Amino acid sequence: MKKGFTLIEVMIATVIVMIASFAVLSMSSNSKHLFNLITQNNDFTLKASVIAIEQKNKNLYENVLDFNITNDYIIHTLKKYKFDFQIKKNIKVFKEFGLKEEIKTINVYNKHHQIQVYEVEIK
C-alpha cells in the first residue's frame, strides 16, 4: 500500500488554508480602510482648526494670507479647501455672583466631516 494523502484530506487542508487566508486579507483590508478614514478625519480637523481659530472666511487660503505664501502649489491646494462655519453665542448671567458667562460654539463642517469648538469667557 502506498503512503500519501487521500483526496478528502487534501480538500479539507485546502479549505482550511482558504479560510485562514480570507480572514487575513479581510483584516488587512479593514485596517487599510480604517487608516484612510482616520487620516481623512485628522486632515479635516487640522484644516478646520484654522477656520475655527481665525473665524474670517470660509476659504482656507484667505485665512492664512498673513503668512505670505509664495509657493503656487500650496496656494492652489489651500484655495480648494472650503468649509462652512456657524457661530452661536449663549450668555448666562449669575446675578448673585456678579458674573457673566459667555459660551461661543463654533461649528466647522463640510460634506463629510464636522467639528465643534467651544470658547468660554467669564466676566
PDB file of N, CA and C in Angstrom:
ATOM      1  N   MET A   1       0.819  -1.165   0.000  1.00  0.00           N
ATOM      2  CA  MET A   1       0.000   0.000   0.000  1.00  0.00           C
ATOM      3  C   MET A   1       0.876   1.246   0.000  1.00  0.00           C
ATOM      4  N   LYS A   2       0.500   2.228  -0.824  1.00  0.00           N
ATOM      5  CA  LYS A   2       1.262   3.463  -0.929  1.00  0.00           C
ATOM      6  C   LYS A   2       0.847   4.416   0.192  1.00  0.00           C
ATOM      7  N   LYS A   3       1.871   5.152   0.694  1.00  0.00           N
ATOM      8  CA  LYS A   3       1.580   6.137   1.726  1.00  0.00           C
ATOM      9  C   LYS A   3       1.397   7.483   1.065  1.00  0.00           C
ATOM     10  N   GLY A   4       0.394   8.266   1.495  1.00  0.00           N
ATOM     11  CA  GLY A   4       0.114   9.590   0.950  1.00  0.00           C
ATOM     12  C   GLY A   4      -1.197  10.110   1.513  1.00  0.00           C
ATOM     13  N   PHE A   5      -1.591  11.242   1.009  1.00  0.00           N
ATOM     14  CA  PHE A   5      -2.829  11.859   1.470  1.00  0.00           C
ATOM     15  C   PHE A   5      -3.977  11.453   0.567  1.00  0.00           C
ATOM     16  N   THR A   6      -5.118  11.283   1.182  1.00  0.00           N
ATOM     17  CA  THR A   6      -6.303  10.988   0.382  1.00  0.00           C
ATOM     18  C   THR A   6      -6.876  12.303  -0.170  1.00  0.00           C
ATOM     19  N   LEU A   7      -7.780  12.163  -1.116  1.00  0.00           N
ATOM     20  CA  LEU A   7      -8.391  13.343  -1.728  1.00  0.00           C
ATOM     21  C   LEU A   7      -9.150  14.169  -0.700  1.00  0.00           C
ATOM     22  N   ILE A   8      -9.834  13.533   0.224  1.00  0.00           N
ATOM     23  CA  ILE A   8     -10.600  14.231   1.262  1.00  0.00           C
ATOM     24  C   ILE A   8      -9.668  15.052   2.144  1.00  0.00           C
ATOM     25  N   GLU A   9      -8.534  14.483   2.532  1.00  0.00           N
ATOM     26  CA  GLU A   9      -7.583  15.202   3.392  1.00  0.00           C
ATOM     27  C   GLU A   9      -7.027  16.437   2.677  1.00  0.00           C
ATOM     28  N   VAL A  10      -6.723  16.313   1.406  1.00  0.00           N
ATOM     29  CA  VAL A  10      -6.201  17.442   0.631  1.00  0.00           C
ATOM     30  C   VAL A  10      -7.263  18.527   0.500  1.00  0.00           C
ATOM     31  N   MET A  11      -8.531  18.127   0.264  1.00  0.00           N
ATOM     32  CA  MET A  11      -9.598  19.114   0.134  1.00  0.00           C
ATOM     33  C   MET A  11      -9.843  19.840   1.452  1.00  0.00           C
ATOM     34  N   ILE A  12      -9.811  19.116   2.561  1.00  0.00           N
ATOM     35  CA  ILE A  12     -10.012  19.744   3.874  1.00  0.00           C
ATOM     36  C   ILE A  12      -8.871  20.717   4.168  1.00  0.00           C
ATOM     37  N   ALA A  13      -7.647  20.327   3.878  1.00  0.00           N
ATOM     38  CA  ALA A  13      -6.489  21.212   4.089  1.00  0.00           C
ATOM     39  C   ALA A  13      -6.604  22.468   3.218  1.00  0.00           C
ATOM     40  N   THR A  14      -7.056  22.304   1.977  1.00  0.00           N
ATOM     41  CA  THR A  14      -7.216  23.443   1.071  1.00  0.00           C
ATOM     42  C   THR A  14      -8.283  24.403   1.591  1.00  0.00           C
ATOM     43  N   VAL A  15      -9.385  23.866   2.090  1.00  0.00           N
ATOM     44  CA  VAL A  15     -10.448  24.717   2.631  1.00  0.00           C
ATOM     45  C   VAL A  15      -9.958  25.466   3.863  1.00  0.00           C
ATOM     46  N   ILE A  16      -9.214  24.804   4.721  1.00  0.00           N
ATOM     47  CA  ILE A  16      -8.676  25.464   5.919  1.00  0.00           C
ATOM     48  C   ILE A  16      -7.728  26.598   5.535  1.00  0.00           C
ATOM     49  N   VAL A  17      -6.855  26.371   4.571  1.00  0.00           N
ATOM     50  CA  VAL A  17      -5.928  27.408   4.108  1.00  0.00           C
ATOM     51  C   VAL A  17      -6.689  28.571   3.480  1.00  0.00           C
ATOM     52  N   MET A  18      -7.729  28.276   2.709  1.00  0.00           N
ATOM     53  CA  MET A  18      -8.522  29.338   2.089  1.00  0.00           C
ATOM     54  C   MET A  18      -9.240  30.183   3.139  1.00  0.00           C
ATOM     55  N   ILE A  19      -9.807  29.568   4.155  1.00  0.00           N
ATOM     56  CA  ILE A  19     -10.496  30.310   5.216  1.00  0.00           C
ATOM     57  C   ILE A  19      -9.509  31.194   5.968  1.00  0.00           C
ATOM     58  N   ALA A  20      -8.354  30.655   6.292  1.00  0.00           N
ATOM     59  CA  ALA A  20      -7.339  31.440   7.005  1.00  0.00           C
ATOM     60  C   ALA A  20      -6.853  32.617   6.159  1.00  0.00           C
ATOM     61  N   SER A  21      -6.613  32.392   4.872  1.00  0.00           N
ATOM     62  CA  SER A  21      -6.144  33.487   4.016  1.00  0.00           C
ATOM     63  C   SER A  21      -7.239  34.539   3.823  1.00  0.00           C
ATOM     64  N   PHE A  22      -8.489  34.117   3.730  1.00  0.00           N
ATOM     65  CA  PHE A  22      -9.591  35.067   3.621  1.00  0.00           C
ATOM     66  C   PHE A  22      -9.682  35.942   4.868  1.00  0.00           C
ATOM     67  N   ALA A  23      -9.504  35.341   6.051  1.00  0.00           N
ATOM     68  CA  ALA A  23      -9.562  36.104   7.301  1.00  0.00           C
ATOM     69  C   ALA A  23      -8.425  37.125   7.361  1.00  0.00           C
ATOM     70  N   VAL A  24      -7.233  36.736   6.960  1.00  0.00           N
ATOM     71  CA  VAL A  24      -6.086  37.652   6.984  1.00  0.00           C
ATOM     72  C   VAL A  24      -6.294  38.788   5.987  1.00  0.00           C
ATOM     73  N   LEU A  25      -6.755  38.481   4.787  1.00  0.00           N
ATOM     74  CA  LEU A  25      -6.988  39.526   3.790  1.00  0.00           C
ATOM     75  C   LEU A  25      -8.111  40.473   4.212  1.00  0.00           C
ATOM     76  N   SER A  26      -9.132  39.937   4.847  1.00  0.00           N
ATOM     77  CA  SER A  26     -10.235  40.758   5.322  1.00  0.00           C
ATOM     78  C   SER A  26      -9.768  41.729   6.403  1.00  0.00           C
ATOM     79  N   MET A  27      -8.982  41.242   7.347  1.00  0.00           N
ATOM     80  CA  MET A  27      -8.458  42.118   8.393  1.00  0.00           C
ATOM     81  C   MET A  27      -7.549  43.191   7.801  1.00  0.00           C
ATOM     82  N   SER A  28      -6.744  42.825   6.844  1.00  0.00           N
ATOM     83  CA  SER A  28      -5.843  43.785   6.207  1.00  0.00           C
ATOM     84  C   SER A  28      -6.626  44.870   5.476  1.00  0.00           C
ATOM     85  N   SER A  29      -7.650  44.473   4.765  1.00  0.00           N
ATOM     86  CA  SER A  29      -8.472  45.426   4.035  1.00  0.00           C
ATOM     87  C   SER A  29      -9.193  46.371   4.987  1.00  0.00           C
ATOM     88  N   ASN A  30      -9.751  45.833   6.069  1.00  0.00           N
ATOM     89  CA  ASN A  30     -10.443  46.669   7.051  1.00  0.00           C
ATOM     90  C   ASN A  30      -9.494  47.653   7.714  1.00  0.00           C
ATOM     91  N   SER A  31      -8.289  47.210   8.037  1.00  0.00           N
ATOM     92  CA  SER A  31      -7.353  48.118   8.689  1.00  0.00           C
ATOM     93  C   SER A  31      -6.908  49.225   7.732  1.00  0.00           C
ATOM     94  N   LYS A  32      -6.745  48.920   6.452  1.00  0.00           N
ATOM     95  CA  LYS A  32      -6.407  49.966   5.483  1.00  0.00           C
ATOM     96  C   LYS A  32      -7.543  50.973   5.358  1.00  0.00           C
ATOM     97  N   HIS A  33      -8.770  50.485   5.331  1.00  0.00           N
ATOM     98  CA  HIS A  33      -9.931  51.371   5.234  1.00  0.00           C
ATOM     99  C   HIS A  33     -10.026  52.265   6.473  1.00  0.00           C
ATOM    100  N   LEU A  34      -9.864  51.685   7.664  1.00  0.00           N
ATOM    101  CA  LEU A  34      -9.910  52.466   8.890  1.00  0.00           C
ATOM    102  C   LEU A  34      -8.773  53.481   8.946  1.00  0.00           C
ATOM    103  N   PHE A  35      -7.588  53.093   8.491  1.00  0.00           N
ATOM    104  CA  PHE A  35      -6.460  54.018   8.455  1.00  0.00           C
ATOM    105  C   PHE A  35      -6.767  55.212   7.551  1.00  0.00           C
ATOM    106  N   ASN A  36      -7.369  54.964   6.382  1.00  0.00           N
ATOM    107  CA  ASN A  36      -7.732  56.057   5.477  1.00  0.00           C
ATOM    108  C   ASN A  36      -8.778  56.977   6.102  1.00  0.00           C
ATOM    109  N   LEU A  37      -9.771  56.405   6.785  1.00  0.00           N
ATOM    110  CA  LEU A  37     -10.780  57.232   7.446  1.00  0.00           C
ATOM    111  C   LEU A  37     -10.174  58.098   8.547  1.00  0.00           C
ATOM    112  N   ILE A  38      -9.294  57.520   9.339  1.00  0.00           N
ATOM    113  CA  ILE A  38      -8.647  58.275  10.418  1.00  0.00           C
ATOM    114  C   ILE A  38      -7.761  59.370   9.846  1.00  0.00           C
ATOM    115  N   THR A  39      -7.042  59.081   8.777  1.00  0.00           N
ATOM    116  CA  THR A  39      -6.194  60.082   8.135  1.00  0.00           C
ATOM    117  C   THR A  39      -7.027  61.235   7.584  1.00  0.00           C
ATOM    118  N   GLN A  40      -8.137  60.927   6.931  1.00  0.00           N
ATOM    119  CA  GLN A  40      -9.014  61.982   6.414  1.00  0.00           C
ATOM    120  C   GLN A  40      -9.600  62.821   7.536  1.00  0.00           C
ATOM    121  N   ASN A  41      -9.985  62.191   8.630  1.00  0.00           N
ATOM    122  CA  ASN A  41     -10.536  62.914   9.769  1.00  0.00           C
ATOM    123  C   ASN A  41      -9.491  63.831  10.397  1.00  0.00           C
ATOM    124  N   ASN A  42      -8.273  63.342  10.559  1.00  0.00           N
ATOM    125  CA  ASN A  42      -7.206  64.171  11.110  1.00  0.00           C
ATOM    126  C   ASN A  42      -6.875  65.337  10.189  1.00  0.00           C
ATOM    127  N   ASP A  43      -6.867  65.084   8.893  1.00  0.00           N
ATOM    128  CA  ASP A  43      -6.599  66.130   7.914  1.00  0.00           C
ATOM    129  C   ASP A  43      -7.673  67.211   7.985  1.00  0.00           C
ATOM    130  N   PHE A  44      -8.932  66.799   8.058  1.00  0.00           N
ATOM    131  CA  PHE A  44     -10.029  67.756   8.176  1.00  0.00           C
ATOM    132  C   PHE A  44      -9.909  68.561   9.466  1.00  0.00           C
ATOM    133  N   THR A  45      -9.628  67.903  10.579  1.00  0.00           N
ATOM    134  CA  THR A  45      -9.531  68.583  11.869  1.00  0.00           C
ATOM    135  C   THR A  45      -8.416  69.613  11.863  1.00  0.00           C
ATOM    136  N   LEU A  46      -7.298  69.276  11.262  1.00  0.00           N
ATOM    137  CA  LEU A  46      -6.179  70.207  11.189  1.00  0.00           C
ATOM    138  C   LEU A  46      -6.542  71.446  10.382  1.00  0.00           C
ATOM    139  N   LYS A  47      -7.145  71.238   9.228  1.00  0.00           N
ATOM    140  CA  LYS A  47      -7.506  72.365   8.367  1.00  0.00           C
ATOM    141  C   LYS A  47      -8.670  73.170   8.955  1.00  0.00           C
ATOM    142  N   ALA A  48      -9.626  72.489   9.544  1.00  0.00           N
ATOM    143  CA  ALA A  48     -10.793  73.184  10.113  1.00  0.00           C
ATOM    144  C   ALA A  48     -10.422  73.961  11.363  1.00  0.00           C
ATOM    145  N   SER A  49      -9.365  73.567  12.054  1.00  0.00           N
ATOM    146  CA  SER A  49      -8.958  74.306  13.243  1.00  0.00           C
ATOM    147  C   SER A  49      -8.487  75.712  12.878  1.00  0.00           C
ATOM    148  N   VAL A  50      -7.909  75.872  11.687  1.00  0.00           N
ATOM    149  CA  VAL A  50      -7.512  77.211  11.232  1.00  0.00           C
ATOM    150  C   VAL A  50      -8.752  78.076  11.055  1.00  0.00           C
ATOM    151  N   ILE A  51      -9.795  77.503  10.466  1.00  0.00           N
ATOM    152  CA  ILE A  51     -11.055  78.229  10.270  1.00  0.00           C
ATOM    153  C   ILE A  51     -11.660  78.587  11.628  1.00  0.00           C
ATOM    154  N   ALA A  52     -11.627  77.657  12.574  1.00  0.00           N
ATOM    155  CA  ALA A  52     -12.230  77.887  13.885  1.00  0.00           C
ATOM    156  C   ALA A  52     -11.464  78.955  14.664  1.00  0.00           C
ATOM    157  N   ILE A  53     -10.158  78.990  14.516  1.00  0.00           N
ATOM    158  CA  ILE A  53      -9.356  79.981  15.244  1.00  0.00           C
ATOM    159  C   ILE A  53      -9.503  81.366  14.619  1.00  0.00           C
ATOM    160  N   GLU A  54      -9.377  81.436  13.300  1.00  0.00           N
ATOM    161  CA  GLU A  54      -9.403  82.737  12.623  1.00  0.00           C
ATOM    162  C   GLU A  54     -10.812  83.308  12.493  1.00  0.00           C
ATOM    163  N   GLN A  55     -11.788  82.493  12.162  1.00  0.00           N
ATOM    164  CA  GLN A  55     -13.195  82.880  12.012  1.00  0.00           C
ATOM    165  C   GLN A  55     -13.378  84.050  11.044  1.00  0.00           C
ATOM    166  N   LYS A  56     -12.618  84.046   9.961  1.00  0.00           N
ATOM    167  CA  LYS A  56     -12.706  85.130   8.987  1.00  0.00           C
ATOM    168  C   LYS A  56     -13.491  84.709   7.754  1.00  0.00           C
ATOM    169  N   ASN A  57     -12.958  83.734   7.038  1.00  0.00           N
ATOM    170  CA  ASN A  57     -13.506  83.349   5.749  1.00  0.00           C
ATOM    171  C   ASN A  57     -13.720  81.851   5.691  1.00  0.00           C
ATOM    172  N   LYS A  58     -14.482  81.431   4.705  1.00  0.00           N
ATOM    173  CA  LYS A  58     -14.736  80.017   4.507  1.00  0.00           C
ATOM    174  C   LYS A  58     -13.608  79.334   3.740  1.00  0.00           C
ATOM    175  N   ASN A  59     -12.803  80.104   3.031  1.00  0.00           N
ATOM    176  CA  ASN A  59     -11.708  79.559   2.236  1.00  0.00           C
ATOM    177  C   ASN A  59     -10.452  79.503   3.098  1.00  0.00           C
ATOM    178  N   LEU A  60      -9.770  78.390   3.092  1.00  0.00           N
ATOM    179  CA  LEU A  60      -8.598  78.208   3.943  1.00  0.00           C
ATOM    180  C   LEU A  60      -7.466  79.161   3.559  1.00  0.00           C
ATOM    181  N   TYR A  61      -7.283  79.412   2.273  1.00  0.00           N
ATOM    182  CA  TYR A  61      -6.203  80.290   1.818  1.00  0.00           C
ATOM    183  C   TYR A  61      -6.405  81.717   2.326  1.00  0.00           C
ATOM    184  N   GLU A  62      -7.617  82.211   2.297  1.00  0.00           N
ATOM    185  CA  GLU A  62      -7.881  83.575   2.741  1.00  0.00           C
ATOM    186  C   GLU A  62      -7.629  83.750   4.234  1.00  0.00           C
ATOM    187  N   ASN A  63      -7.687  82.670   4.997  1.00  0.00           N
ATOM    188  CA  ASN A  63      -7.408  82.738   6.428  1.00  0.00           C
ATOM    189  C   ASN A  63      -5.917  82.786   6.732  1.00  0.00           C
ATOM    190  N   VAL A  64      -5.087  82.335   5.813  1.00  0.00           N
ATOM    191  CA  VAL A  64      -3.639  82.303   6.064  1.00  0.00           C
ATOM    192  C   VAL A  64      -2.880  83.280   5.172  1.00  0.00           C
ATOM    193  N   LEU A  65      -3.542  84.306   4.679  1.00  0.00           N
ATOM    194  CA  LEU A  65      -2.881  85.307   3.838  1.00  0.00           C
ATOM    195  C   LEU A  65      -1.741  86.021   4.564  1.00  0.00           C
ATOM    196  N   ASP A  66      -1.831  86.132   5.874  1.00  0.00           N
ATOM    197  CA  ASP A  66      -0.797  86.831   6.642  1.00  0.00           C
ATOM    198  C   ASP A  66       0.559  86.128   6.587  1.00  0.00           C
ATOM    199  N   PHE A  67       0.587  84.873   6.185  1.00  0.00           N
ATOM    200  CA  PHE A  67       1.842  84.125   6.151  1.00  0.00           C
ATOM    201  C   PHE A  67       2.669  84.383   4.891  1.00  0.00           C
ATOM    202  N   ASN A  68       2.122  85.144   3.938  1.00  0.00           N
ATOM    203  CA  ASN A  68       2.831  85.486   2.689  1.00  0.00           C
ATOM    204  C   ASN A  68       3.387  84.244   1.981  1.00  0.00           C
ATOM    205  N   ILE A  69       2.521  83.318   1.654  1.00  0.00           N
ATOM    206  CA  ILE A  69       2.920  82.086   0.979  1.00  0.00           C
ATOM    207  C   ILE A  69       3.175  82.385  -0.490  1.00  0.00           C
ATOM    208  N   THR A  70       4.332  81.929  -1.001  1.00  0.00           N
ATOM    209  CA  THR A  70       4.692  82.216  -2.391  1.00  0.00           C
ATOM    210  C   THR A  70       4.670  80.979  -3.283  1.00  0.00           C
ATOM    211  N   ASN A  71       4.592  79.804  -2.708  1.00  0.00           N
ATOM    212  CA  ASN A  71       4.584  78.570  -3.480  1.00  0.00           C
ATOM    213  C   ASN A  71       3.215  78.397  -4.141  1.00  0.00           C
ATOM    214  N   ASP A  72       3.192  78.348  -5.486  1.00  0.00           N
ATOM    215  CA  ASP A  72       1.927  78.259  -6.226  1.00  0.00           C
ATOM    216  C   ASP A  72       1.159  76.979  -5.937  1.00  0.00           C
ATOM    217  N   TYR A  73       1.870  75.868  -5.748  1.00  0.00           N
ATOM    218  CA  TYR A  73       1.203  74.597  -5.466  1.00  0.00           C
ATOM    219  C   TYR A  73       0.462  74.663  -4.126  1.00  0.00           C
ATOM    220  N   ILE A  74       1.109  75.225  -3.121  1.00  0.00           N
ATOM    221  CA  ILE A  74       0.480  75.340  -1.805  1.00  0.00           C
ATOM    222  C   ILE A  74      -0.724  76.277  -1.874  1.00  0.00           C
ATOM    223  N   ILE A  75      -0.582  77.383  -2.591  1.00  0.00           N
ATOM    224  CA  ILE A  75      -1.696  78.325  -2.745  1.00  0.00           C
ATOM    225  C   ILE A  75      -2.879  77.640  -3.423  1.00  0.00           C
ATOM    226  N   HIS A  76      -2.604  76.895  -4.501  1.00  0.00           N
ATOM    227  CA  HIS A  76      -3.675  76.177  -5.215  1.00  0.00           C
ATOM    228  C   HIS A  76      -4.341  75.147  -4.305  1.00  0.00           C
ATOM    229  N   THR A  77      -3.542  74.428  -3.525  1.00  0.00           N
ATOM    230  CA  THR A  77      -4.077  73.408  -2.623  1.00  0.00           C
ATOM    231  C   THR A  77      -4.950  74.045  -1.542  1.00  0.00           C
ATOM    232  N   LEU A  78      -4.500  75.148  -0.976  1.00  0.00           N
ATOM    233  CA  LEU A  78      -5.266  75.802   0.083  1.00  0.00           C
ATOM    234  C   LEU A  78      -6.563  76.420  -0.434  1.00  0.00           C
ATOM    235  N   LYS A  79      -6.552  76.900  -1.663  1.00  0.00           N
ATOM    236  CA  LYS A  79      -7.756  77.529  -2.220  1.00  0.00           C
ATOM    237  C   LYS A  79      -8.890  76.534  -2.446  1.00  0.00           C
ATOM    238  N   LYS A  80      -8.558  75.264  -2.645  1.00  0.00           N
ATOM    239  CA  LYS A  80      -9.630  74.296  -2.908  1.00  0.00           C
ATOM    240  C   LYS A  80     -10.329  73.830  -1.630  1.00  0.00           C
ATOM    241  N   TYR A  81      -9.765  74.126  -0.463  1.00  0.00           N
ATOM    242  CA  TYR A  81     -10.405  73.733   0.791  1.00  0.00           C
ATOM    243  C   TYR A  81     -11.345  74.833   1.240  1.00  0.00           C
ATOM    244  N   LYS A  82     -12.643  74.547   1.165  1.00  0.00           N
ATOM    245  CA  LYS A  82     -13.665  75.485   1.607  1.00  0.00           C
ATOM    246  C   LYS A  82     -14.527  74.798   2.654  1.00  0.00           C
ATOM    247  N   PHE A  83     -14.759  75.506   3.733  1.00  0.00           N
ATOM    248  CA  PHE A  83     -15.555  74.984   4.832  1.00  0.00           C
ATOM    249  C   PHE A  83     -16.666  75.972   5.147  1.00  0.00           C
ATOM    250  N   ASP A  84     -17.717  75.477   5.712  1.00  0.00           N
ATOM    251  CA  ASP A  84     -18.766  76.332   6.233  1.00  0.00           C
ATOM    252  C   ASP A  84     -18.604  76.372   7.741  1.00  0.00           C
ATOM    253  N   PHE A  85     -18.911  77.507   8.330  1.00  0.00           N
ATOM    254  CA  PHE A  85     -18.873  77.564   9.780  1.00  0.00           C
ATOM    255  C   PHE A  85     -20.019  78.405  10.310  1.00  0.00           C
ATOM    256  N   GLN A  86     -20.419  78.072  11.512  1.00  0.00           N
ATOM    257  CA  GLN A  86     -21.542  78.703  12.184  1.00  0.00           C
ATOM    258  C   GLN A  86     -21.086  79.074  13.588  1.00  0.00           C
ATOM    259  N   ILE A  87     -21.470  80.248  14.040  1.00  0.00           N
ATOM    260  CA  ILE A  87     -21.114  80.674  15.391  1.00  0.00           C
ATOM    261  C   ILE A  87     -22.407  80.936  16.164  1.00  0.00           C
ATOM    262  N   LYS A  88     -22.514  80.306  17.333  1.00  0.00           N
ATOM    263  CA  LYS A  88     -23.663  80.525  18.217  1.00  0.00           C
ATOM    264  C   LYS A  88     -23.139  81.012  19.565  1.00  0.00           C
ATOM    265  N   LYS A  89     -23.800  82.010  20.107  1.00  0.00           N
ATOM    266  CA  LYS A  89     -23.409  82.523  21.419  1.00  0.00           C
ATOM    267  C   LYS A  89     -24.513  82.240  22.423  1.00  0.00           C
ATOM    268  N   ASN A  90     -24.104  81.819  23.601  1.00  0.00           N
ATOM    269  CA  ASN A  90     -25.023  81.561  24.695  1.00  0.00           C
ATOM    270  C   ASN A  90     -24.505  82.334  25.906  1.00  0.00           C
ATOM    271  N   ILE A  91     -25.284  83.263  26.404  1.00  0.00           N
ATOM    272  CA  ILE A  91     -24.848  84.102  27.525  1.00  0.00           C
ATOM    273  C   ILE A  91     -25.710  83.794  28.744  1.00  0.00           C
ATOM    274  N   LYS A  92     -25.029  83.544  29.875  1.00  0.00           N
ATOM    275  CA  LYS A  92     -25.714  83.324  31.148  1.00  0.00           C
ATOM    276  C   LYS A  92     -25.209  84.367  32.138  1.00  0.00           C
ATOM    277  N   VAL A  93     -26.116  84.916  32.890  1.00  0.00           N
ATOM    278  CA  VAL A  93     -25.756  85.919  33.904  1.00  0.00           C
ATOM    279  C   VAL A  93     -26.072  85.338  35.276  1.00  0.00           C
ATOM    280  N   PHE A  94     -25.072  85.355  36.141  1.00  0.00           N
ATOM    281  CA  PHE A  94     -25.241  84.913  37.524  1.00  0.00           C
ATOM    282  C   PHE A  94     -25.252  86.155  38.405  1.00  0.00           C
ATOM    283  N   LYS A  95     -26.439  86.648  38.721  1.00  0.00           N
ATOM    284  CA  LYS A  95     -26.576  87.914  39.450  1.00  0.00           C
ATOM    285  C   LYS A  95     -26.010  87.834  40.864  1.00  0.00           C
ATOM    286  N   GLU A  96     -26.193  86.686  41.512  1.00  0.00           N
ATOM    287  CA  GLU A  96     -25.733  86.581  42.896  1.00  0.00           C
ATOM    288  C   GLU A  96     -24.210  86.662  43.008  1.00  0.00           C
ATOM    289  N   PHE A  97     -23.504  86.282  41.962  1.00  0.00           N
ATOM    290  CA  PHE A  97     -22.044  86.350  41.988  1.00  0.00           C
ATOM    291  C   PHE A  97     -21.504  87.533  41.185  1.00  0.00           C
ATOM    292  N   GLY A  98     -22.371  88.194  40.434  1.00  0.00           N
ATOM    293  CA  GLY A  98     -21.932  89.306  39.607  1.00  0.00           C
ATOM    294  C   GLY A  98     -21.100  88.854  38.419  1.00  0.00           C
ATOM    295  N   LEU A  99     -21.376  87.658  37.912  1.00  0.00           N
ATOM    296  CA  LEU A  99     -20.601  87.099  36.805  1.00  0.00           C
ATOM    297  C   LEU A  99     -21.456  86.963  35.559  1.00  0.00           C
ATOM    298  N   LYS A 100     -20.792  87.037  34.444  1.00  0.00           N
ATOM    299  CA  LYS A 100     -21.446  86.828  33.150  1.00  0.00           C
ATOM    300  C   LYS A 100     -20.623  85.791  32.397  1.00  0.00           C
ATOM    301  N   GLU A 101     -21.285  84.717  31.995  1.00  0.00           N
ATOM    302  CA  GLU A 101     -20.608  83.626  31.284  1.00  0.00           C
ATOM    303  C   GLU A 101     -21.067  83.641  29.830  1.00  0.00           C
ATOM    304  N   GLU A 102     -20.108  83.680  28.930  1.00  0.00           N
ATOM    305  CA  GLU A 102     -20.425  83.657  27.503  1.00  0.00           C
ATOM    306  C   GLU A 102     -19.772  82.421  26.883  1.00  0.00           C
ATOM    307  N   ILE A 103     -20.595  81.562  26.307  1.00  0.00           N
ATOM    308  CA  ILE A 103     -20.101  80.357  25.639  1.00  0.00           C
ATOM    309  C   ILE A 103     -20.347  80.516  24.150  1.00  0.00           C
ATOM    310  N   LYS A 104     -19.281  80.457  23.396  1.00  0.00           N
ATOM    311  CA  LYS A 104     -19.389  80.577  21.943  1.00  0.00           C
ATOM    312  C   LYS A 104     -19.112  79.202  21.340  1.00  0.00           C
ATOM    313  N   THR A 105     -20.063  78.697  20.569  1.00  0.00           N
ATOM    314  CA  THR A 105     -19.924  77.408  19.892  1.00  0.00           C
ATOM    315  C   THR A 105     -19.646  77.669  18.417  1.00  0.00           C
ATOM    316  N   ILE A 106     -18.558  77.110  17.927  1.00  0.00           N
ATOM    317  CA  ILE A 106     -18.178  77.277  16.525  1.00  0.00           C
ATOM    318  C   ILE A 106     -18.252  75.912  15.861  1.00  0.00           C
ATOM    319  N   ASN A 107     -19.143  75.772  14.883  1.00  0.00           N
ATOM    320  CA  ASN A 107     -19.259  74.541  14.104  1.00  0.00           C
ATOM    321  C   ASN A 107     -18.566  74.752  12.766  1.00  0.00           C
ATOM    322  N   VAL A 108     -17.607  73.911  12.450  1.00  0.00           N
ATOM    323  CA  VAL A 108     -16.940  73.942  11.148  1.00  0.00           C
ATOM    324  C   VAL A 108     -17.259  72.617  10.480  1.00  0.00           C
ATOM    325  N   TYR A 109     -17.734  72.683   9.231  1.00  0.00           N
ATOM    326  CA  TYR A 109     -18.172  71.446   8.580  1.00  0.00           C
ATOM    327  C   TYR A 109     -18.015  71.532   7.072  1.00  0.00           C
ATOM    328  N   ASN A 110     -17.994  70.364   6.456  1.00  0.00           N
ATOM    329  CA  ASN A 110     -18.113  70.220   5.003  1.00  0.00           C
ATOM    330  C   ASN A 110     -19.055  69.051   4.751  1.00  0.00           C
ATOM    331  N   LYS A 111     -19.022  68.463   3.564  1.00  0.00           N
ATOM    332  CA  LYS A 111     -19.952  67.368   3.250  1.00  0.00           C
ATOM    333  C   LYS A 111     -19.804  66.165   4.174  1.00  0.00           C
ATOM    334  N   HIS A 112     -18.574  65.840   4.549  1.00  0.00           N
ATOM    335  CA  HIS A 112     -18.313  64.558   5.199  1.00  0.00           C
ATOM    336  C   HIS A 112     -17.917  64.657   6.672  1.00  0.00           C
ATOM    337  N   HIS A 113     -17.480  65.812   7.124  1.00  0.00           N
ATOM    338  CA  HIS A 113     -16.942  65.933   8.475  1.00  0.00           C
ATOM    339  C   HIS A 113     -17.518  67.149   9.179  1.00  0.00           C
ATOM    340  N   GLN A 114     -17.370  67.142  10.514  1.00  0.00           N
ATOM    341  CA  GLN A 114     -17.806  68.285  11.312  1.00  0.00           C
ATOM    342  C   GLN A 114     -17.017  68.290  12.616  1.00  0.00           C
ATOM    343  N   ILE A 115     -16.627  69.489  13.063  1.00  0.00           N
ATOM    344  CA  ILE A 115     -16.037  69.628  14.391  1.00  0.00           C
ATOM    345  C   ILE A 115     -16.733  70.778  15.105  1.00  0.00           C
ATOM    346  N   GLN A 116     -16.694  70.739  16.423  1.00  0.00           N
ATOM    347  CA  GLN A 116     -17.223  71.818  17.236  1.00  0.00           C
ATOM    348  C   GLN A 116     -16.118  72.315  18.154  1.00  0.00           C
ATOM    349  N   VAL A 117     -16.014  73.634  18.258  1.00  0.00           N
ATOM    350  CA  VAL A 117     -15.042  74.260  19.140  1.00  0.00           C
ATOM    351  C   VAL A 117     -15.826  75.165  20.083  1.00  0.00           C
ATOM    352  N   TYR A 118     -15.470  75.134  21.357  1.00  0.00           N
ATOM    353  CA  TYR A 118     -16.146  75.956  22.346  1.00  0.00           C
ATOM    354  C   TYR A 118     -15.171  76.977  22.911  1.00  0.00           C
ATOM    355  N   GLU A 119     -15.638  78.219  23.006  1.00  0.00           N
ATOM    356  CA  GLU A 119     -14.881  79.267  23.689  1.00  0.00           C
ATOM    357  C   GLU A 119     -15.715  79.707  24.881  1.00  0.00           C
ATOM    358  N   VAL A 120     -15.108  79.736  26.049  1.00  0.00           N
ATOM    359  CA  VAL A 120     -15.809  80.130  27.257  1.00  0.00           C
ATOM    360  C   VAL A 120     -15.117  81.362  27.825  1.00  0.00           C
ATOM    361  N   GLU A 121     -15.918  82.376  28.103  1.00  0.00           N
ATOM    362  CA  GLU A 121     -15.393  83.601  28.683  1.00  0.00           C
ATOM    363  C   GLU A 121     -16.250  83.970  29.880  1.00  0.00           C
ATOM    364  N   ILE A 122     -15.590  84.210  31.008  1.00  0.00           N
ATOM    365  CA  ILE A 122     -16.292  84.592  32.234  1.00  0.00           C
ATOM    366  C   ILE A 122     -15.841  86.000  32.597  1.00  0.00           C
ATOM    367  N   LYS A 123     -16.831  86.894  32.734  1.00  0.00           N
ATOM    368  CA  LYS A 123     -16.526  88.296  33.074  1.00  0.00           C
ATOM    369  C   LYS A 123     -17.045  88.621  34.444  1.00  0.00           C
TER     370      LYS A 123
END
